[in-house]
Amino acid sequence: MLNLKTWPLFFLILPSVLSAQTDTSPIIVGEELVIKEKRPKKEEPIVSKEEVSSEMVSSTSVSLFDDLSETLRTLPSVVTPGDFSGALYIRGCYPWETIFLLDNVFIYWPYRWGGMLLFYNTDLIKRVDFYAGGYPAKGGQALGGIIDVYYKEGN
């Protein structure tokens, strides 16, 4: 059997008093202050941004299917495992370590047909921003890089 001892606990509760004071001195009115200048926009340093135009995308697609991965594999730091795969290995990282965006919206897995093609429609591409490293804060969890695709405006 355990040898337990019990001790009584006592709490002392004291009432507290709150007091508030206000300043009743008159308000001093001064001259009108007008600010005309705006705060300068802070530029983010971009180290390795490649901007790919729609003309470059259409001129480098030479296979049976127009695919964005054919254009991106011509950029530095991009490797594909072979002719029948659209998977992009950027800076030696796996394809799932690259962030794909479409008009600044995250695309989880942009490959179709078993990883053979990227799902982006090359006829709609306005430009592609490719970051291989030193990318902005929107790519926080990216290890390989960021592929940010912008589509043309519709009517």
Protein backbone atom coordinates (compact mmCIF):
# COMPACT_ATOMS: atom_id res chain seq x y z
CA MET A 1 0.00 0.00 0.00
CA LEU A 2 1.19 3.48 -0.81
CA ASN A 3 1.99 5.89 1.94
CA LEU A 4 0.36 9.10 0.74
CA LYS A 5 0.02 12.30 2.72
CA THR A 6 -2.48 14.98 1.93
CA TRP A 7 -1.98 18.63 2.58
CA PRO A 8 -4.76 21.23 2.59
CA LEU A 9 -4.40 24.13 0.16
CA PHE A 10 -5.56 27.62 1.02
CA PHE A 11 -6.14 30.39 -1.50
CA LEU A 12 -6.24 34.01 -0.52
CA ILE A 13 -8.39 36.11 -2.83
CA LEU A 14 -8.11 39.85 -2.43
CA PRO A 15 -10.54 42.24 -4.10
CA SER A 16 -8.89 44.56 -6.60
CA VAL A 17 -9.89 48.12 -7.36
CA LEU A 18 -9.60 49.60 -10.83
CA SER A 19 -9.50 53.31 -11.36
CA ALA A 20 -9.32 55.35 -14.55
CA GLN A 21 -8.57 59.00 -15.10
CA THR A 22 -9.23 61.10 -18.17
CA ASP A 23 -7.45 64.18 -19.39
CA THR A 24 -9.89 67.06 -19.76
CA SER A 25 -7.44 69.60 -21.17
CA PRO A 26 -8.52 71.30 -24.42
CA ILE A 27 -7.37 69.93 -27.79
CA ILE A 28 -4.85 72.10 -29.60
CA VAL A 29 -5.66 72.52 -33.29
CA GLY A 30 -2.67 73.08 -35.59
CA GLU A 31 -2.12 73.65 -39.29
CA GLU A 32 -3.28 71.17 -41.91
CA LEU A 33 -0.65 68.62 -42.92
CA VAL A 34 -0.78 67.27 -46.50
CA ILE A 35 1.46 64.40 -47.62
CA LYS A 36 1.90 64.17 -51.40
CA GLU A 37 4.69 61.63 -51.84
CA LYS A 38 4.12 57.90 -51.86
CA ARG A 39 6.32 55.34 -50.21
CA PRO A 40 8.81 53.95 -52.74
CA LYS A 41 8.06 50.41 -53.83
CA LYS A 42 10.53 47.95 -52.42
CA GLU A 43 12.06 45.86 -55.18
CA GLU A 44 12.67 42.18 -54.50
CA PRO A 45 16.07 41.04 -55.70
CA ILE A 46 15.58 38.35 -58.34
CA VAL A 47 18.70 36.33 -59.02
CA SER A 48 17.79 33.76 -61.64
CA LYS A 49 14.58 34.72 -63.38
CA GLU A 50 14.13 33.68 -67.00
CA GLU A 51 11.15 35.18 -68.80
CA VAL A 52 9.92 32.97 -71.64
CA SER A 53 7.66 34.61 -74.23
CA SER A 54 4.79 32.98 -76.09
CA GLU A 55 6.83 33.20 -79.31
CA MET A 56 9.60 31.12 -77.78
CA VAL A 57 7.08 28.54 -76.56
CA SER A 58 5.53 28.17 -80.01
CA SER A 59 8.91 28.01 -81.79
CA THR A 60 10.46 25.32 -79.57
CA SER A 61 7.50 22.91 -79.56
CA VAL A 62 8.54 20.48 -82.30
CA SER A 63 7.01 17.16 -81.28
CA LEU A 64 3.62 15.66 -82.06
CA PHE A 65 2.13 17.51 -79.08
CA ASP A 66 2.90 21.13 -78.23
CA ASP A 67 4.25 20.97 -74.72
CA LEU A 68 5.72 23.56 -72.39
CA SER A 69 8.28 21.09 -71.04
CA GLU A 70 10.05 21.09 -74.43
CA THR A 71 10.60 24.82 -74.12
CA LEU A 72 11.67 24.66 -70.48
CA ARG A 73 14.21 21.92 -71.09
CA THR A 74 16.19 24.38 -73.26
CA LEU A 75 16.78 26.62 -70.23
CA PRO A 76 19.82 26.30 -67.99
CA SER A 77 19.51 24.05 -64.89
CA VAL A 78 16.61 22.01 -66.37
CA VAL A 79 16.95 18.32 -67.21
CA THR A 80 14.39 15.75 -68.35
CA PRO A 81 14.93 12.00 -67.95
CA GLY A 82 14.26 11.14 -71.59
CA ASP A 83 12.20 11.72 -74.71
CA PHE A 84 9.00 10.15 -73.37
CA SER A 85 8.77 12.08 -70.12
CA GLY A 86 7.80 15.66 -69.47
CA ALA A 87 9.06 15.56 -65.88
CA LEU A 88 11.37 18.48 -65.16
CA TYR A 89 14.34 18.08 -62.84
CA ILE A 90 15.43 21.59 -61.88
CA ARG A 91 18.80 22.00 -60.18
CA GLY A 92 18.89 18.25 -59.48
CA CYS A 93 15.64 18.22 -57.50
CA TYR A 94 12.74 15.86 -58.09
CA PRO A 95 9.75 17.12 -60.12
CA TRP A 96 7.52 17.30 -57.03
CA GLU A 97 9.98 19.73 -55.44
CA THR A 98 9.17 22.34 -58.09
CA ILE A 99 6.25 24.73 -57.70
CA PHE A 100 3.97 25.17 -60.69
CA LEU A 101 1.70 28.21 -60.84
CA LEU A 102 -0.97 29.28 -63.31
CA ASP A 103 -1.70 33.02 -63.01
CA ASN A 104 -0.31 32.89 -59.43
CA VAL A 105 -2.52 29.91 -58.48
CA PHE A 106 -0.75 26.79 -57.19
CA ILE A 107 -1.08 23.67 -59.39
CA TYR A 108 -0.39 20.49 -57.42
CA TRP A 109 0.70 18.01 -60.12
CA PRO A 110 0.62 19.55 -63.63
CA TYR A 111 1.57 16.41 -65.55
CA ARG A 112 -0.87 14.37 -67.65
CA TRP A 113 -0.68 11.09 -69.57
CA GLY A 114 1.55 9.49 -66.96
CA GLY A 115 3.96 12.42 -66.69
CA MET A 116 4.50 12.68 -70.42
CA LEU A 117 3.09 16.19 -70.90
CA LEU A 118 2.43 19.30 -68.86
CA PHE A 119 -1.24 20.28 -68.78
CA TYR A 120 -0.67 23.91 -69.85
CA ASN A 121 -2.25 24.87 -73.18
CA THR A 122 0.59 26.41 -75.19
CA ASP A 123 -1.83 28.40 -77.40
CA LEU A 124 -3.02 30.37 -74.36
CA ILE A 125 0.37 31.19 -72.82
CA LYS A 126 1.26 34.87 -72.64
CA ARG A 127 4.54 34.39 -70.79
CA VAL A 128 6.31 32.05 -68.41
CA ASP A 129 8.44 33.21 -65.49
CA PHE A 130 11.00 30.54 -64.63
CA TYR A 131 12.96 30.81 -61.37
CA ALA A 132 15.77 28.30 -60.91
CA GLY A 133 16.91 29.75 -57.58
CA GLY A 134 16.79 32.93 -55.56
CA TYR A 135 13.07 33.16 -56.12
CA PRO A 136 10.59 35.43 -54.32
CA ALA A 137 8.66 34.53 -51.19
CA LYS A 138 5.74 32.98 -53.09
CA GLY A 139 7.92 29.90 -53.60
CA GLY A 140 8.61 29.25 -49.95
CA GLN A 141 8.55 25.45 -50.05
CA ALA A 142 10.11 25.05 -53.50
CA LEU A 143 13.48 23.34 -53.55
CA GLY A 144 13.97 23.03 -57.30
CA GLY A 145 12.38 26.16 -58.67
CA ILE A 146 9.20 27.94 -59.69
CA ILE A 147 7.41 27.80 -63.03
CA ASP A 148 4.85 30.60 -63.14
CA VAL A 149 2.70 30.53 -66.29
CA TYR A 150 0.52 33.49 -67.28
CA TYR A 151 -2.33 33.01 -69.75
CA LYS A 152 -3.55 35.62 -72.22
CA GLU A 153 -6.51 37.77 -71.22
CA GLY A 154 -9.86 36.59 -72.54
CA ASN A 155 -12.66 38.70 -73.96
